[in-house]
Amino acid sequence: GDWSSDVCSSDLAVLAGIALPQYLRTVARARHAEGWQMLGTLRSAISRYYAEHATIPTAADFVAMDIQDPNDNSATAFPNAKFSYDIAGGGGSTFDFTLTALPRSAECPGCATLAIDMNGVRVTLSQT
């Protein structure tokens, strides 16, 4: 082979080795932003629900909270949802809960499990 094409190929390999991981981190951050946004929306809806009913709803009560069920990944709701959502502590009368966003592995490779508590404290639990 021509030495110039060998040099060019190795330069491209080095650039790809640098650029690809950065691109994947950027994509994961964008997907996590979607999860954090929905967790914030759910946290607000739970606070309103609790103010009216004096109980923490369960994940089955998403529709009763006057929001579209974020776990409905049908074509009319959230067809490309990256996460499924759950409420820990739901069903109780004490204002104490944690919301989790669990990555749907096929739609969100490299995503982490996200959590937010009733005070808005965010935690990244695990990477898939």
Protein backbone atom coordinates (compact mmCIF):
# COMPACT_ATOMS: atom_id res chain seq x y z
CA GLY A 1 0.00 0.00 0.00
CA ASP A 2 0.61 3.59 -0.42
CA TRP A 3 2.02 5.12 2.77
CA SER A 4 -0.28 8.17 2.49
CA SER A 5 -3.41 6.02 2.52
CA ASP A 6 -2.08 4.09 5.54
CA VAL A 7 -1.46 7.35 7.41
CA CYS A 8 -4.93 8.64 6.47
CA SER A 9 -6.58 5.41 7.64
CA SER A 10 -4.79 5.51 10.98
CA ASP A 11 -5.68 9.20 11.42
CA LEU A 12 -9.34 8.37 10.79
CA ALA A 13 -9.21 5.50 13.28
CA VAL A 14 -7.77 7.81 15.95
CA LEU A 15 -10.41 10.46 15.25
CA ALA A 16 -13.18 7.86 15.38
CA GLY A 17 -11.78 6.55 18.65
CA ILE A 18 -12.05 10.04 20.13
CA ALA A 19 -15.28 11.21 18.50
CA LEU A 20 -17.45 8.12 18.96
CA PRO A 21 -17.30 7.97 22.78
CA GLN A 22 -18.01 11.72 22.97
CA TYR A 23 -20.98 11.30 20.62
CA LEU A 24 -22.37 8.41 22.70
CA ARG A 25 -22.05 10.48 25.91
CA THR A 26 -23.89 13.36 24.23
CA VAL A 27 -26.70 11.05 23.08
CA ALA A 28 -27.01 9.53 26.58
CA ARG A 29 -27.18 13.02 28.16
CA ALA A 30 -29.98 13.98 25.76
CA ARG A 31 -31.90 10.80 26.60
CA HIS A 32 -31.39 11.38 30.32
CA ALA A 33 -32.75 14.92 29.89
CA GLU A 34 -35.99 13.37 28.61
CA GLY A 35 -36.17 11.15 31.71
CA TRP A 36 -35.43 14.02 34.13
CA GLN A 37 -38.07 16.20 32.47
CA MET A 38 -40.76 13.52 32.83
CA LEU A 39 -39.73 12.83 36.45
CA GLY A 40 -40.16 16.54 37.22
CA THR A 41 -43.59 16.56 35.56
CA LEU A 42 -44.64 13.48 37.54
CA ARG A 43 -43.33 14.95 40.81
CA SER A 44 -45.45 18.07 40.29
CA ALA A 45 -48.51 15.98 39.39
CA ILE A 46 -48.07 13.84 42.53
CA SER A 47 -47.85 16.97 44.69
CA ARG A 48 -51.14 18.25 43.22
CA TYR A 49 -52.77 14.82 43.61
CA TYR A 50 -51.62 14.60 47.24
CA ALA A 51 -53.00 18.08 47.98
CA GLU A 52 -56.43 16.99 46.71
CA HIS A 53 -56.58 13.38 47.97
CA ALA A 54 -54.18 13.25 50.97
CA THR A 55 -52.57 10.12 49.56
CA ILE A 56 -49.64 9.35 47.27
CA PRO A 57 -50.83 7.77 44.00
CA THR A 58 -49.41 4.57 42.59
CA ALA A 59 -48.11 4.15 39.03
CA ALA A 60 -51.56 2.80 38.15
CA ASP A 61 -52.96 6.23 39.06
CA PHE A 62 -51.03 8.24 36.47
CA VAL A 63 -54.22 8.92 34.50
CA ALA A 64 -56.06 9.92 37.70
CA MET A 65 -53.39 12.61 38.17
CA ASP A 66 -54.68 14.34 35.00
CA ILE A 67 -51.56 13.55 32.99
CA GLN A 68 -51.05 11.20 30.10
CA ASP A 69 -49.69 7.85 31.31
CA PRO A 70 -45.93 8.07 30.62
CA ASN A 71 -45.75 4.26 30.47
CA ASP A 72 -48.15 4.21 27.49
CA ASN A 73 -45.75 3.73 24.60
CA SER A 74 -48.48 3.41 21.98
CA ALA A 75 -48.33 5.40 18.76
CA THR A 76 -50.72 8.00 20.17
CA ALA A 77 -48.94 8.57 23.48
CA PHE A 78 -45.16 8.07 23.83
CA PRO A 79 -44.16 5.78 20.95
CA ASN A 80 -40.41 6.29 21.37
CA ALA A 81 -40.27 6.49 25.15
CA LYS A 82 -36.79 5.82 26.47
CA PHE A 83 -37.91 5.07 30.05
CA SER A 84 -40.70 3.44 32.03
CA TYR A 85 -41.72 5.16 35.27
CA ASP A 86 -42.64 3.96 38.74
CA ILE A 87 -43.53 5.43 42.13
CA ALA A 88 -42.03 3.94 45.30
CA GLY A 89 -44.07 4.84 48.36
CA GLY A 90 -47.27 5.24 46.37
CA GLY A 91 -50.56 4.46 48.04
CA GLY A 92 -49.52 5.89 51.41
CA SER A 93 -50.88 8.88 53.28
CA THR A 94 -47.44 10.25 54.22
CA PHE A 95 -45.92 12.69 51.73
CA ASP A 96 -42.88 10.50 51.05
CA PHE A 97 -42.13 9.02 47.66
CA THR A 98 -39.41 8.35 45.10
CA LEU A 99 -39.99 8.29 41.37
CA THR A 100 -37.78 6.17 39.15
CA ALA A 101 -37.18 6.20 35.41
CA LEU A 102 -36.07 2.75 34.27
CA PRO A 103 -34.41 2.64 30.84
CA ARG A 104 -36.12 0.60 28.16
CA SER A 105 -32.99 -1.21 26.98
CA ALA A 106 -33.83 -1.31 23.27
CA GLU A 107 -34.72 2.39 23.11
CA CYS A 108 -32.05 3.66 25.48
CA PRO A 109 -28.78 1.75 25.29
CA GLY A 110 -26.25 3.16 27.73
CA CYS A 111 -28.89 4.95 29.78
CA ALA A 112 -28.92 4.94 33.56
CA THR A 113 -31.78 4.41 35.99
CA LEU A 114 -32.81 7.85 37.26
CA ALA A 115 -34.60 8.73 40.50
CA ILE A 116 -36.03 11.85 42.11
CA ASP A 117 -37.56 12.13 45.57
CA MET A 118 -40.42 14.27 46.87
CA ASN A 119 -37.96 17.12 47.60
CA GLY A 120 -36.60 17.14 44.05
CA VAL A 121 -33.28 15.48 44.92
CA ARG A 122 -31.98 13.73 41.79
CA VAL A 123 -29.95 10.51 41.82
CA THR A 124 -28.48 8.50 38.94
CA LEU A 125 -28.73 4.93 40.21
CA SER A 126 -27.14 2.66 37.66
CA GLN A 127 -25.91 2.48 34.09
CA THR A 128 -27.29 -0.15 31.70
